Amino acid sequence: MPELGRSVLRISACNANGGGCGNYIRVPVMQAPTLSGRNTLTWTSPVDANYFILERANCASSCSATTSLAWQRVTQTTESQYKQPTTDKGKYLYRVKGCNTV
C-alpha cells in the first residue's frame, strides 16, 4: 500500500460471471492531489470496458501493506468519470474496475 497522500492503481481482468479473475497488476505509485469541496475523479477507459465500478476505502487511521481495507461500492457507471455529490471529509483510497458484458 502507498503512504497516505499517495495513490496506486491495481488492475485485474474477470469474466462476466465475476470468476476467472487474474491477479492484480500494480502500476507505479503517483502523488495524489489534496482535494477539497466537490471533486471529479476521471480515468482512461480501456478499449473493451462497457461499464465501471468505483469503490473506495476509508484510510482514516492507517493505509499500509498490512492493513485490511473495507472496500465499498460508490457507483456503477458507463462514464469514465465520477462527480462527488457531497464533500465527504476524510482520507480515502479509490479504485476503479473496468467491466464488459461479453
Protein backbone atom coordinates (compact mmCIF):
# COMPACT_ATOMS: atom_id res chain seq x y z
CA MET A 1 0.00 0.00 0.00
CA PRO A 2 1.16 3.54 -0.61
CA GLU A 3 1.72 6.05 2.15
CA LEU A 4 -1.08 8.47 2.97
CA GLY A 5 -1.38 11.22 0.39
CA ARG A 6 -0.36 8.90 -2.45
CA SER A 7 -2.40 6.67 -4.73
CA VAL A 8 -1.82 3.41 -6.57
CA LEU A 9 -3.64 1.71 -9.43
CA ARG A 10 -4.29 -2.03 -9.42
CA ILE A 11 -5.77 -3.76 -12.46
CA SER A 12 -7.44 -7.18 -12.74
CA ALA A 13 -9.46 -8.85 -15.51
CA CYS A 14 -12.51 -11.07 -14.77
CA ASN A 15 -15.18 -12.77 -16.86
CA ALA A 16 -18.84 -11.65 -16.92
CA ASN A 17 -19.76 -14.04 -14.09
CA GLY A 18 -17.19 -12.46 -11.78
CA GLY A 19 -14.96 -15.52 -11.99
CA GLY A 20 -11.73 -16.24 -13.76
CA CYS A 21 -10.14 -13.10 -12.35
CA GLY A 22 -6.44 -12.72 -12.87
CA ASN A 23 -4.07 -11.39 -10.28
CA TYR A 24 -3.94 -7.65 -9.76
CA ILE A 25 -1.20 -5.85 -11.63
CA ARG A 26 0.31 -2.92 -9.76
CA VAL A 27 1.50 0.16 -11.59
CA PRO A 28 3.80 2.88 -10.25
CA VAL A 29 2.62 4.99 -7.33
CA MET A 30 1.73 8.58 -8.16
CA GLN A 31 1.32 11.66 -5.99
CA ALA A 32 -2.34 12.18 -5.09
CA PRO A 33 -3.63 15.74 -5.00
CA THR A 34 -5.08 17.33 -1.89
CA LEU A 35 -8.73 17.94 -2.66
CA SER A 36 -11.46 19.94 -1.02
CA GLY A 37 -15.09 20.55 -1.83
CA ARG A 38 -16.75 18.60 -4.62
CA ASN A 39 -14.34 16.86 -6.95
CA THR A 40 -14.45 14.85 -10.15
CA LEU A 41 -12.49 11.61 -10.47
CA THR A 42 -11.55 10.68 -14.05
CA TRP A 43 -9.77 7.72 -15.63
CA THR A 44 -8.85 6.45 -19.08
CA SER A 45 -11.25 3.84 -20.41
CA PRO A 46 -9.78 0.54 -21.64
CA VAL A 47 -10.94 -0.41 -25.15
CA ASP A 48 -13.27 -3.25 -24.10
CA ALA A 49 -14.78 -1.75 -20.92
CA ASN A 50 -18.56 -1.21 -21.13
CA TYR A 51 -19.01 -0.01 -17.56
CA PHE A 52 -17.04 0.75 -14.42
CA ILE A 53 -17.41 0.02 -10.73
CA LEU A 54 -15.87 2.67 -8.48
CA GLU A 55 -15.02 1.64 -4.92
CA ARG A 56 -13.40 3.41 -2.01
CA ALA A 57 -11.90 2.52 1.35
CA ASN A 58 -11.59 4.75 4.40
CA CYS A 59 -7.98 5.37 5.35
CA ALA A 60 -8.56 7.44 8.48
CA SER A 61 -6.20 5.52 10.73
CA SER A 62 -3.80 3.58 8.53
CA CYS A 63 -3.10 2.62 4.94
CA SER A 64 -0.17 0.24 4.96
CA ALA A 65 0.63 -3.03 3.22
CA THR A 66 -0.61 -4.93 6.27
CA THR A 67 -3.91 -3.05 6.58
CA SER A 68 -7.02 -4.93 5.52
CA LEU A 69 -9.20 -2.33 3.82
CA ALA A 70 -13.01 -2.46 3.68
CA TRP A 71 -13.86 -1.53 0.08
CA GLN A 72 -17.35 -0.16 -0.53
CA ARG A 73 -19.05 0.40 -3.88
CA VAL A 74 -19.55 4.08 -4.65
CA THR A 75 -21.18 3.75 -8.06
CA GLN A 76 -21.53 1.71 -11.23
CA THR A 77 -21.38 3.87 -14.36
CA THR A 78 -20.77 3.80 -18.11
CA GLU A 79 -18.88 7.10 -17.86
CA SER A 80 -15.12 7.28 -17.24
CA GLN A 81 -15.61 9.89 -14.54
CA TYR A 82 -17.40 10.34 -11.22
CA LYS A 83 -18.55 13.64 -9.74
CA GLN A 84 -18.73 13.53 -5.96
CA PRO A 85 -22.21 14.67 -4.90
CA THR A 86 -21.05 15.63 -1.40
CA THR A 87 -17.99 16.97 0.29
CA ASP A 88 -17.06 13.90 2.31
CA LYS A 89 -14.32 14.69 4.77
CA GLY A 90 -11.62 12.13 5.43
CA LYS A 91 -8.86 10.20 3.70
CA TYR A 92 -9.89 7.59 1.15
CA LEU A 93 -8.34 5.25 -1.38
CA TYR A 94 -10.29 4.79 -4.62
CA ARG A 95 -10.17 2.00 -7.16
CA VAL A 96 -11.97 1.53 -10.47
CA LYS A 97 -12.88 -1.81 -12.04
CA GLY A 98 -13.37 -1.80 -15.82
CA CYS A 99 -16.02 -4.38 -16.84
CA ASN A 100 -17.55 -5.68 -20.06
CA THR A 101 -20.70 -7.61 -20.89
CA VAL A 102 -19.28 -10.19 -23.30
